Amino acid sequence: MTTVPSPCVNWCDINPENGYCRGCYRTLTEIANWSELSNPEKLEVWSLLTDRKPQASE
């Protein structure tokens, strides 16, 4: 079985305004629990990242 890859880009800095990492846009809880999440749970986190990531046009 293939494991869902981490969205980590090795730029770990939590934005105090929204609680998301400025590199991967996960919360501290999502980052801390990543290795324990099932593949479907990891895919759910991935699906949230698009909405959290600021768009270049903003």
PDB file of N, CA and C in Angstrom:
ATOM      1  N   MET A   1       0.834  -1.185   0.000  1.00  0.00           N
ATOM      2  CA  MET A   1       0.000   0.000   0.000  1.00  0.00           C
ATOM      3  C   MET A   1       0.880   1.250   0.000  1.00  0.00           C
ATOM      4  N   THR A   2       0.532   2.219  -0.822  1.00  0.00           N
ATOM      5  CA  THR A   2       1.256   3.474  -0.893  1.00  0.00           C
ATOM      6  C   THR A   2       0.785   4.408   0.207  1.00  0.00           C
ATOM      7  N   THR A   3       1.732   5.087   0.836  1.00  0.00           N
ATOM      8  CA  THR A   3       1.407   6.048   1.881  1.00  0.00           C
ATOM      9  C   THR A   3       1.260   7.427   1.268  1.00  0.00           C
ATOM     10  N   VAL A   4       0.267   8.161   1.736  1.00  0.00           N
ATOM     11  CA  VAL A   4       0.055   9.529   1.277  1.00  0.00           C
ATOM     12  C   VAL A   4       1.223  10.378   1.770  1.00  0.00           C
ATOM     13  N   PRO A   5       1.886  11.118   0.882  1.00  0.00           N
ATOM     14  CA  PRO A   5       3.048  11.915   1.286  1.00  0.00           C
ATOM     15  C   PRO A   5       2.654  13.120   2.136  1.00  0.00           C
ATOM     16  N   SER A   6       3.572  13.552   2.934  1.00  0.00           N
ATOM     17  CA  SER A   6       3.378  14.743   3.752  1.00  0.00           C
ATOM     18  C   SER A   6       3.448  15.985   2.873  1.00  0.00           C
ATOM     19  N   PRO A   7       2.640  16.993   3.172  1.00  0.00           N
ATOM     20  CA  PRO A   7       2.723  18.240   2.423  1.00  0.00           C
ATOM     21  C   PRO A   7       3.855  19.158   2.902  1.00  0.00           C
ATOM     22  N   CYS A   8       4.651  18.701   3.850  1.00  0.00           N
ATOM     23  CA  CYS A   8       5.728  19.508   4.424  1.00  0.00           C
ATOM     24  C   CYS A   8       6.705  19.960   3.342  1.00  0.00           C
ATOM     25  N   VAL A   9       7.069  21.255   3.405  1.00  0.00           N
ATOM     26  CA  VAL A   9       8.048  21.818   2.473  1.00  0.00           C
ATOM     27  C   VAL A   9       9.277  22.331   3.228  1.00  0.00           C
ATOM     28  N   ASN A  10       9.427  21.899   4.467  1.00  0.00           N
ATOM     29  CA  ASN A  10      10.559  22.256   5.329  1.00  0.00           C
ATOM     30  C   ASN A  10      10.661  23.761   5.599  1.00  0.00           C
ATOM     31  N   TRP A  11       9.540  24.411   5.694  1.00  0.00           N
ATOM     32  CA  TRP A  11       9.460  25.809   6.125  1.00  0.00           C
ATOM     33  C   TRP A  11       8.416  25.858   7.218  1.00  0.00           C
ATOM     34  N   CYS A  12       8.830  25.615   8.433  1.00  0.00           N
ATOM     35  CA  CYS A  12       7.921  25.473   9.572  1.00  0.00           C
ATOM     36  C   CYS A  12       7.831  26.789  10.334  1.00  0.00           C
ATOM     37  N   ASP A  13       6.698  27.452  10.185  1.00  0.00           N
ATOM     38  CA  ASP A  13       6.453  28.722  10.851  1.00  0.00           C
ATOM     39  C   ASP A  13       4.948  28.878  10.992  1.00  0.00           C
ATOM     40  N   ILE A  14       4.459  28.833  12.215  1.00  0.00           N
ATOM     41  CA  ILE A  14       3.023  28.918  12.454  1.00  0.00           C
ATOM     42  C   ILE A  14       2.580  30.379  12.449  1.00  0.00           C
ATOM     43  N   ASN A  15       1.595  30.676  11.628  1.00  0.00           N
ATOM     44  CA  ASN A  15       1.019  32.012  11.546  1.00  0.00           C
ATOM     45  C   ASN A  15       0.107  32.200  12.756  1.00  0.00           C
ATOM     46  N   PRO A  16       0.404  33.145  13.645  1.00  0.00           N
ATOM     47  CA  PRO A  16      -0.405  33.332  14.848  1.00  0.00           C
ATOM     48  C   PRO A  16      -1.816  33.839  14.555  1.00  0.00           C
ATOM     49  N   GLU A  17      -2.035  34.400  13.378  1.00  0.00           N
ATOM     50  CA  GLU A  17      -3.351  34.918  13.026  1.00  0.00           C
ATOM     51  C   GLU A  17      -4.355  33.824  12.698  1.00  0.00           C
ATOM     52  N   ASN A  18      -3.894  32.735  12.088  1.00  0.00           N
ATOM     53  CA  ASN A  18      -4.837  31.670  11.710  1.00  0.00           C
ATOM     54  C   ASN A  18      -4.435  30.284  12.216  1.00  0.00           C
ATOM     55  N   GLY A  19      -3.246  30.140  12.776  1.00  0.00           N
ATOM     56  CA  GLY A  19      -2.816  28.858  13.318  1.00  0.00           C
ATOM     57  C   GLY A  19      -2.303  27.865  12.292  1.00  0.00           C
ATOM     58  N   TYR A  20      -2.111  28.302  11.053  1.00  0.00           N
ATOM     59  CA  TYR A  20      -1.622  27.416  10.002  1.00  0.00           C
ATOM     60  C   TYR A  20      -0.132  27.620   9.790  1.00  0.00           C
ATOM     61  N   CYS A  21       0.546  26.533   9.463  1.00  0.00           N
ATOM     62  CA  CYS A  21       1.954  26.625   9.094  1.00  0.00           C
ATOM     63  C   CYS A  21       2.049  27.404   7.786  1.00  0.00           C
ATOM     64  N   ARG A  22       2.989  28.317   7.706  1.00  0.00           N
ATOM     65  CA  ARG A  22       3.151  29.129   6.496  1.00  0.00           C
ATOM     66  C   ARG A  22       3.797  28.338   5.354  1.00  0.00           C
ATOM     67  N   GLY A  23       4.338  27.184   5.659  1.00  0.00           N
ATOM     68  CA  GLY A  23       4.940  26.353   4.618  1.00  0.00           C
ATOM     69  C   GLY A  23       3.956  25.368   4.017  1.00  0.00           C
ATOM     70  N   CYS A  24       3.245  24.628   4.884  1.00  0.00           N
ATOM     71  CA  CYS A  24       2.369  23.561   4.375  1.00  0.00           C
ATOM     72  C   CYS A  24       0.882  23.797   4.640  1.00  0.00           C
ATOM     73  N   TYR A  25       0.560  24.807   5.455  1.00  0.00           N
ATOM     74  CA  TYR A  25      -0.819  25.191   5.748  1.00  0.00           C
ATOM     75  C   TYR A  25      -1.593  24.182   6.592  1.00  0.00           C
ATOM     76  N   ARG A  26      -0.833  23.332   7.312  1.00  0.00           N
ATOM     77  CA  ARG A  26      -1.488  22.450   8.283  1.00  0.00           C
ATOM     78  C   ARG A  26      -1.476  23.112   9.656  1.00  0.00           C
ATOM     79  N   THR A  27      -2.361  22.632  10.534  1.00  0.00           N
ATOM     80  CA  THR A  27      -2.356  23.093  11.917  1.00  0.00           C
ATOM     81  C   THR A  27      -1.284  22.322  12.678  1.00  0.00           C
ATOM     82  N   LEU A  28      -0.941  22.807  13.866  1.00  0.00           N
ATOM     83  CA  LEU A  28       0.024  22.076  14.698  1.00  0.00           C
ATOM     84  C   LEU A  28      -0.469  20.668  15.000  1.00  0.00           C
ATOM     85  N   THR A  29      -1.752  20.519  15.254  1.00  0.00           N
ATOM     86  CA  THR A  29      -2.318  19.193  15.538  1.00  0.00           C
ATOM     87  C   THR A  29      -2.172  18.276  14.332  1.00  0.00           C
ATOM     88  N   GLU A  30      -2.473  18.771  13.148  1.00  0.00           N
ATOM     89  CA  GLU A  30      -2.337  17.963  11.936  1.00  0.00           C
ATOM     90  C   GLU A  30      -0.888  17.559  11.708  1.00  0.00           C
ATOM     91  N   ILE A  31       0.039  18.478  11.956  1.00  0.00           N
ATOM     92  CA  ILE A  31       1.460  18.179  11.796  1.00  0.00           C
ATOM     93  C   ILE A  31       1.887  17.111  12.802  1.00  0.00           C
ATOM     94  N   ALA A  32       1.512  17.305  14.058  1.00  0.00           N
ATOM     95  CA  ALA A  32       1.918  16.384  15.123  1.00  0.00           C
ATOM     96  C   ALA A  32       1.335  14.990  14.932  1.00  0.00           C
ATOM     97  N   ASN A  33       0.126  14.906  14.390  1.00  0.00           N
ATOM     98  CA  ASN A  33      -0.552  13.614  14.259  1.00  0.00           C
ATOM     99  C   ASN A  33      -0.358  12.953  12.902  1.00  0.00           C
ATOM    100  N   TRP A  34       0.347  13.602  11.990  1.00  0.00           N
ATOM    101  CA  TRP A  34       0.445  13.112  10.608  1.00  0.00           C
ATOM    102  C   TRP A  34       0.836  11.636  10.524  1.00  0.00           C
ATOM    103  N   SER A  35       1.844  11.232  11.253  1.00  0.00           N
ATOM    104  CA  SER A  35       2.331   9.840  11.135  1.00  0.00           C
ATOM    105  C   SER A  35       1.319   8.828  11.666  1.00  0.00           C
ATOM    106  N   GLU A  36       0.371   9.275  12.463  1.00  0.00           N
ATOM    107  CA  GLU A  36      -0.638   8.375  13.021  1.00  0.00           C
ATOM    108  C   GLU A  36      -1.926   8.345  12.200  1.00  0.00           C
ATOM    109  N   LEU A  37      -2.072   9.268  11.257  1.00  0.00           N
ATOM    110  CA  LEU A  37      -3.297   9.331  10.462  1.00  0.00           C
ATOM    111  C   LEU A  37      -3.340   8.207   9.426  1.00  0.00           C
ATOM    112  N   SER A  38      -4.551   7.752   9.131  1.00  0.00           N
ATOM    113  CA  SER A  38      -4.739   6.772   8.059  1.00  0.00           C
ATOM    114  C   SER A  38      -4.627   7.506   6.717  1.00  0.00           C
ATOM    115  N   ASN A  39      -4.459   6.774   5.646  1.00  0.00           N
ATOM    116  CA  ASN A  39      -4.384   7.394   4.329  1.00  0.00           C
ATOM    117  C   ASN A  39      -5.629   8.227   4.021  1.00  0.00           C
ATOM    118  N   PRO A  40      -6.845   7.734   4.303  1.00  0.00           N
ATOM    119  CA  PRO A  40      -8.028   8.575   4.055  1.00  0.00           C
ATOM    120  C   PRO A  40      -8.015   9.860   4.885  1.00  0.00           C
ATOM    121  N   GLU A  41      -7.524   9.801   6.115  1.00  0.00           N
ATOM    122  CA  GLU A  41      -7.428  10.997   6.948  1.00  0.00           C
ATOM    123  C   GLU A  41      -6.397  11.968   6.382  1.00  0.00           C
ATOM    124  N   LYS A  42      -5.283  11.441   5.877  1.00  0.00           N
ATOM    125  CA  LYS A  42      -4.262  12.297   5.261  1.00  0.00           C
ATOM    126  C   LYS A  42      -4.817  12.978   4.016  1.00  0.00           C
ATOM    127  N   LEU A  43      -5.579  12.246   3.230  1.00  0.00           N
ATOM    128  CA  LEU A  43      -6.182  12.826   2.031  1.00  0.00           C
ATOM    129  C   LEU A  43      -7.183  13.920   2.398  1.00  0.00           C
ATOM    130  N   GLU A  44      -7.876  13.752   3.510  1.00  0.00           N
ATOM    131  CA  GLU A  44      -8.804  14.776   3.987  1.00  0.00           C
ATOM    132  C   GLU A  44      -8.047  16.051   4.345  1.00  0.00           C
ATOM    133  N   VAL A  45      -6.912  15.911   5.022  1.00  0.00           N
ATOM    134  CA  VAL A  45      -6.095  17.079   5.354  1.00  0.00           C
ATOM    135  C   VAL A  45      -5.634  17.747   4.061  1.00  0.00           C
ATOM    136  N   TRP A  46      -5.135  16.961   3.121  1.00  0.00           N
ATOM    137  CA  TRP A  46      -4.690  17.515   1.840  1.00  0.00           C
ATOM    138  C   TRP A  46      -5.814  18.320   1.180  1.00  0.00           C
ATOM    139  N   SER A  47      -7.050  17.822   1.267  1.00  0.00           N
ATOM    140  CA  SER A  47      -8.172  18.506   0.614  1.00  0.00           C
ATOM    141  C   SER A  47      -8.451  19.870   1.245  1.00  0.00           C
ATOM    142  N   LEU A  48      -8.060  20.061   2.497  1.00  0.00           N
ATOM    143  CA  LEU A  48      -8.272  21.330   3.193  1.00  0.00           C
ATOM    144  C   LEU A  48      -7.217  22.373   2.839  1.00  0.00           C
ATOM    145  N   LEU A  49      -6.051  21.931   2.393  1.00  0.00           N
ATOM    146  CA  LEU A  49      -4.916  22.829   2.197  1.00  0.00           C
ATOM    147  C   LEU A  49      -5.148  23.839   1.071  1.00  0.00           C
ATOM    148  N   THR A  50      -5.844  23.463   0.039  1.00  0.00           N
ATOM    149  CA  THR A  50      -6.092  24.379  -1.088  1.00  0.00           C
ATOM    150  C   THR A  50      -6.857  25.607  -0.610  1.00  0.00           C
ATOM    151  N   ASP A  51      -7.864  25.400   0.246  1.00  0.00           N
ATOM    152  CA  ASP A  51      -8.654  26.518   0.746  1.00  0.00           C
ATOM    153  C   ASP A  51      -7.862  27.380   1.734  1.00  0.00           C
ATOM    154  N   ARG A  52      -6.907  26.787   2.417  1.00  0.00           N
ATOM    155  CA  ARG A  52      -6.119  27.529   3.400  1.00  0.00           C
ATOM    156  C   ARG A  52      -4.998  28.336   2.770  1.00  0.00           C
ATOM    157  N   LYS A  53      -4.512  27.873   1.642  1.00  0.00           N
ATOM    158  CA  LYS A  53      -3.353  28.514   1.013  1.00  0.00           C
ATOM    159  C   LYS A  53      -3.792  29.803   0.317  1.00  0.00           C
ATOM    160  N   PRO A  54      -3.132  30.914   0.649  1.00  0.00           N
ATOM    161  CA  PRO A  54      -3.489  32.167  -0.018  1.00  0.00           C
ATOM    162  C   PRO A  54      -3.203  32.092  -1.524  1.00  0.00           C
ATOM    163  N   GLN A  55      -4.052  32.683  -2.269  1.00  0.00           N
ATOM    164  CA  GLN A  55      -3.874  32.685  -3.733  1.00  0.00           C
ATOM    165  C   GLN A  55      -2.917  33.815  -4.120  1.00  0.00           C
ATOM    166  N   ALA A  56      -2.180  33.603  -5.173  1.00  0.00           N
ATOM    167  CA  ALA A  56      -1.177  34.573  -5.624  1.00  0.00           C
ATOM    168  C   ALA A  56      -1.814  35.921  -5.975  1.00  0.00           C
ATOM    169  N   SER A  57      -3.070  35.904  -6.415  1.00  0.00           N
ATOM    170  CA  SER A  57      -3.724  37.139  -6.816  1.00  0.00           C
ATOM    171  C   SER A  57      -4.240  37.961  -5.639  1.00  0.00           C
ATOM    172  N   GLU A  58      -4.220  37.412  -4.448  1.00  0.00           N
ATOM    173  CA  GLU A  58      -4.719  38.125  -3.273  1.00  0.00           C
ATOM    174  C   GLU A  58      -3.678  39.045  -2.684  1.00  0.00           C
TER     175      GLU A  58
END
